C-alpha cells in the first residue's frame, strides 16, 4: 500500500488533474432545477440510460411542473417504466411536484434544508440539484463516489453521508462541482465495483488501495 496522506491537498489536486485529462465534464440537462430534481428521483436504483429514457419520455408529454402535477398517476407510471420502481417513483414525483407548487410557488428551493423537507429527497439528491442545476459547490455522494473515495484512501467510511463529510473536509472547494461527474465516469469505466482495471488506472500510483483485496 502506497499511502495517501489525508491532508495532502497537492495529491488530491493531482488526482483530479489527471482525471480531467481523461474525462470531459458532461453538460447535464438544461439546468432546470425541477427537471434535475425529478431526474435524480428517477435515477434511484437504476442505470443512467434508463433514467434518461424515463425523464425524456415524461417531459416530452408533461413539459413543466404544473403539467406533471396534474398528470394522471397511471400515465406517469407508464412513461417512467424504464427507470424501474415506477409506481413508487410516479407517486413520489406527483407528491413532490404538488408540494413545490403549494409551498414554494412552483420553484425548487435552493437551500439544502428546504430540499430535505421534500418526501424522498436525501442529501445525495439535494446535492445533485445544488451542483447540476444551481452550479453551487456541493458533493453528491453516490455509490461510485463512496466506493472510490474509500479505495483511494481519502475516506475510511461506512456510508455515503459520512463520506460526504470527509470529502468536504479534505477536498478543496473549487473541485466540488466537478467531483461527482469525474468520479462517476471513472467508476463506470476504470474503478468499477467488480473487475476494476487497475492496470489502466491513471492514478494507480496515488491510490491507497491494496489491489489484492479488491472484490
Protein backbone atom coordinates (compact mmCIF):
# COMPACT_ATOMS: atom_id res chain seq x y z
CA UNK A 1 0.00 0.00 0.00
CA UNK A 2 1.45 3.31 -1.11
CA UNK A 3 -0.23 5.50 1.47
CA UNK A 4 -2.48 8.50 0.90
CA UNK A 5 -1.85 11.46 3.17
CA UNK A 6 -5.32 12.59 4.15
CA UNK A 7 -4.37 16.27 4.30
CA UNK A 8 -2.24 16.28 1.18
CA UNK A 9 -4.09 18.84 -0.94
CA UNK A 10 -1.41 18.68 -3.60
CA UNK A 11 -2.02 14.97 -4.13
CA UNK A 12 -5.80 15.42 -4.29
CA UNK A 13 -5.35 18.13 -6.91
CA UNK A 14 -3.03 15.87 -8.89
CA UNK A 15 -5.65 13.10 -8.91
CA UNK A 16 -8.28 15.45 -10.30
CA UNK A 17 -5.84 16.98 -12.77
CA UNK A 18 -5.24 13.51 -14.22
CA UNK A 19 -8.94 12.64 -14.29
CA UNK A 20 -9.60 15.89 -16.16
CA UNK A 21 -7.10 14.78 -18.78
CA UNK A 22 -9.05 11.56 -19.34
CA UNK A 23 -12.67 12.64 -18.92
CA UNK A 24 -14.68 15.60 -20.20
CA UNK A 25 -17.10 17.23 -17.81
CA UNK A 26 -20.56 16.49 -19.16
CA UNK A 27 -23.32 19.05 -19.62
CA UNK A 28 -26.35 17.81 -17.72
CA UNK A 29 -29.96 18.52 -18.57
CA UNK A 30 -30.81 22.19 -19.12
CA UNK A 31 -30.01 23.31 -15.57
CA UNK A 32 -33.72 23.49 -14.76
CA UNK A 33 -33.81 22.73 -11.00
CA UNK A 34 -37.16 20.96 -11.23
CA UNK A 35 -36.06 18.69 -14.07
CA UNK A 36 -32.79 17.93 -12.32
CA UNK A 37 -34.70 17.03 -9.16
CA UNK A 38 -37.14 14.74 -10.98
CA UNK A 39 -34.36 13.13 -12.99
CA UNK A 40 -32.45 12.42 -9.79
CA UNK A 41 -35.52 10.84 -8.23
CA UNK A 42 -35.88 8.69 -11.35
CA UNK A 43 -32.19 7.72 -11.19
CA UNK A 44 -32.51 5.94 -7.86
CA UNK A 45 -31.60 2.27 -8.21
CA UNK A 46 -31.32 2.29 -11.98
CA UNK A 47 -28.79 2.97 -14.74
CA UNK A 48 -28.19 6.32 -16.40
CA UNK A 49 -29.57 5.22 -19.76
CA UNK A 50 -32.82 4.08 -18.12
CA UNK A 51 -33.06 7.38 -16.26
CA UNK A 52 -32.56 9.33 -19.47
CA UNK A 53 -35.23 7.34 -21.29
CA UNK A 54 -37.76 7.81 -18.50
CA UNK A 55 -37.05 11.51 -17.95
CA UNK A 56 -37.20 12.29 -21.66
CA UNK A 57 -40.50 10.44 -22.05
CA UNK A 58 -42.03 12.21 -19.05
CA UNK A 59 -41.02 15.74 -20.01
CA UNK A 60 -41.91 15.28 -23.66
CA UNK A 61 -45.53 14.77 -22.62
CA UNK A 62 -45.57 16.91 -19.45
CA UNK A 63 -43.03 19.69 -20.01
CA UNK A 64 -43.19 21.53 -16.68
CA UNK A 65 -44.04 21.15 -13.01
CA UNK A 66 -47.67 22.23 -13.46
CA UNK A 67 -48.29 19.71 -16.23
CA UNK A 68 -46.67 16.93 -14.21
CA UNK A 69 -48.63 17.80 -11.06
CA UNK A 70 -51.92 17.46 -12.97
CA UNK A 71 -50.95 14.28 -14.81
CA UNK A 72 -52.79 11.01 -14.13
CA UNK A 73 -50.55 8.83 -11.99
CA UNK A 74 -51.19 5.82 -14.26
CA UNK A 75 -49.84 7.72 -17.27
CA UNK A 76 -46.78 8.89 -15.36
CA UNK A 77 -46.15 5.28 -14.33
CA UNK A 78 -46.28 4.18 -17.96
CA UNK A 79 -43.91 6.91 -19.13
CA UNK A 80 -41.27 6.29 -16.47
CA UNK A 81 -41.34 2.48 -16.55
CA UNK A 82 -37.77 2.21 -17.91
CA UNK A 83 -36.47 3.67 -14.63
CA UNK A 84 -37.90 0.81 -12.56
CA UNK A 85 -39.93 1.02 -9.35
CA UNK A 86 -42.25 3.12 -11.47
CA UNK A 87 -45.28 3.01 -9.14
CA UNK A 88 -43.31 4.31 -6.17
CA UNK A 89 -41.44 6.87 -8.26
CA UNK A 90 -44.58 8.13 -10.01
CA UNK A 91 -46.34 8.70 -6.69
CA UNK A 92 -43.25 10.44 -5.32
CA UNK A 93 -42.89 12.68 -8.38
CA UNK A 94 -46.51 13.82 -8.18
CA UNK A 95 -46.30 14.39 -4.42
CA UNK A 96 -43.10 16.42 -4.69
CA UNK A 97 -44.48 18.44 -7.61
CA UNK A 98 -47.64 19.37 -5.74
CA UNK A 99 -45.72 20.33 -2.60
CA UNK A 100 -43.41 22.56 -4.63
CA UNK A 101 -46.43 24.29 -6.19
CA UNK A 102 -48.35 24.65 -2.93
CA UNK A 103 -45.47 25.65 -0.67
CA UNK A 104 -42.73 27.07 -2.89
CA UNK A 105 -44.54 28.77 -5.76
CA UNK A 106 -43.57 26.03 -8.19
CA UNK A 107 -39.86 26.58 -7.62
CA UNK A 108 -37.28 24.19 -6.18
CA UNK A 109 -35.72 25.78 -3.09
CA UNK A 110 -32.02 26.46 -3.35
CA UNK A 111 -31.32 25.69 0.31
CA UNK A 112 -30.34 22.16 1.35
CA UNK A 113 -32.52 22.26 4.49
CA UNK A 114 -35.61 23.13 2.48
CA UNK A 115 -34.99 20.46 -0.14
CA UNK A 116 -34.57 17.83 2.56
CA UNK A 117 -38.15 18.56 3.68
CA UNK A 118 -39.43 17.12 0.40
CA UNK A 119 -40.53 13.46 0.59
CA UNK A 120 -37.88 11.05 -0.63
CA UNK A 121 -35.21 13.72 -1.05
CA UNK A 122 -31.98 12.90 0.77
CA UNK A 123 -28.60 14.60 0.78
CA UNK A 124 -27.41 12.99 -2.44
CA UNK A 125 -30.49 14.12 -4.37
CA UNK A 126 -30.35 17.62 -2.89
CA UNK A 127 -26.64 17.91 -3.65
CA UNK A 128 -27.28 16.86 -7.27
CA UNK A 129 -29.71 19.76 -7.63
CA UNK A 130 -27.28 22.17 -5.98
CA UNK A 131 -24.44 21.12 -8.31
CA UNK A 132 -26.13 20.31 -11.62
CA UNK A 133 -28.90 22.93 -11.55
CA UNK A 134 -27.60 25.78 -9.44
CA UNK A 135 -23.89 25.16 -10.15
CA UNK A 136 -23.09 25.76 -6.49
CA UNK A 137 -20.36 23.93 -4.60
CA UNK A 138 -21.59 20.66 -3.11
CA UNK A 139 -20.60 16.99 -3.22
CA UNK A 140 -23.23 14.45 -4.31
CA UNK A 141 -22.06 11.09 -2.99
CA UNK A 142 -23.42 8.10 -4.88
CA UNK A 143 -22.13 4.54 -4.87
CA UNK A 144 -19.24 5.41 -7.20
CA UNK A 145 -18.02 8.37 -5.15
CA UNK A 146 -18.35 6.41 -1.90
CA UNK A 147 -16.52 3.35 -3.23
CA UNK A 148 -13.72 5.23 -4.96
CA UNK A 149 -13.08 7.61 -2.06
CA UNK A 150 -12.53 4.61 0.19
CA UNK A 151 -10.36 2.80 -2.34
CA UNK A 152 -8.18 5.86 -2.82
CA UNK A 153 -7.82 6.27 0.92
CA UNK A 154 -9.33 9.73 1.08
CA UNK A 155 -12.08 8.27 3.25
CA UNK A 156 -12.48 5.32 5.58
CA UNK A 157 -16.24 5.35 5.92
CA UNK A 158 -19.24 3.04 6.01
CA UNK A 159 -21.95 5.16 4.38
CA UNK A 160 -22.28 7.93 1.78
CA UNK A 161 -23.25 10.68 4.24
CA UNK A 162 -20.12 10.03 6.27
CA UNK A 163 -18.11 10.05 3.05
CA UNK A 164 -19.61 13.39 2.09
CA UNK A 165 -18.45 14.94 5.35
CA UNK A 166 -14.92 13.61 4.90
CA UNK A 167 -14.73 14.84 1.30
CA UNK A 168 -15.94 18.28 2.34
CA UNK A 169 -13.09 18.44 4.82
CA UNK A 170 -10.37 17.03 2.56
CA UNK A 171 -11.16 18.15 -0.99
CA UNK A 172 -10.56 21.81 -1.96
CA UNK A 173 -13.88 23.54 -2.50
CA UNK A 174 -13.06 24.63 -6.06
CA UNK A 175 -13.09 20.93 -7.06
CA UNK A 176 -16.50 20.11 -5.60
CA UNK A 177 -18.73 20.94 -8.60
CA UNK A 178 -16.84 18.62 -10.97
CA UNK A 179 -16.09 15.89 -8.42
CA UNK A 180 -19.20 13.74 -8.87
CA UNK A 181 -19.13 13.76 -12.66
CA UNK A 182 -15.43 12.90 -12.86
CA UNK A 183 -15.64 10.15 -10.26
CA UNK A 184 -18.79 8.62 -11.76
CA UNK A 185 -17.18 8.41 -15.19
CA UNK A 186 -14.03 6.96 -13.60
CA UNK A 187 -16.13 4.46 -11.63
CA UNK A 188 -18.07 3.37 -14.69
CA UNK A 189 -15.00 2.79 -16.86
CA UNK A 190 -11.95 2.02 -14.69
CA UNK A 191 -12.60 1.78 -10.95
CA UNK A 192 -15.62 -0.48 -11.34
CA UNK A 193 -17.26 -2.28 -8.39
CA UNK A 194 -16.19 -5.66 -9.77
CA UNK A 195 -13.22 -6.15 -12.07
CA UNK A 196 -11.60 -2.73 -11.72
CA UNK A 197 -8.99 -2.09 -14.40
CA UNK A 198 -6.12 -1.12 -12.16
CA UNK A 199 -3.61 -1.70 -14.95
CA UNK A 200 -5.27 1.12 -16.93
CA UNK A 201 -5.81 3.46 -13.99
CA UNK A 202 -4.35 6.96 -14.49
CA UNK A 203 -3.85 7.46 -10.76
CA UNK A 204 -2.76 3.97 -9.63
CA UNK A 205 0.48 5.34 -8.17
CA UNK A 206 -1.53 7.66 -5.92
CA UNK A 207 -4.08 5.07 -4.81
CA UNK A 208 -4.06 3.71 -1.27
CA UNK A 209 -5.94 0.52 -2.08
CA UNK A 210 -4.39 -2.92 -1.82
CA UNK A 211 -5.26 -4.48 -5.19
CA UNK A 212 -5.12 -7.98 -3.71
CA UNK A 213 -8.15 -7.08 -1.57
CA UNK A 214 -10.35 -5.93 -4.41
CA UNK A 215 -13.80 -7.53 -4.59
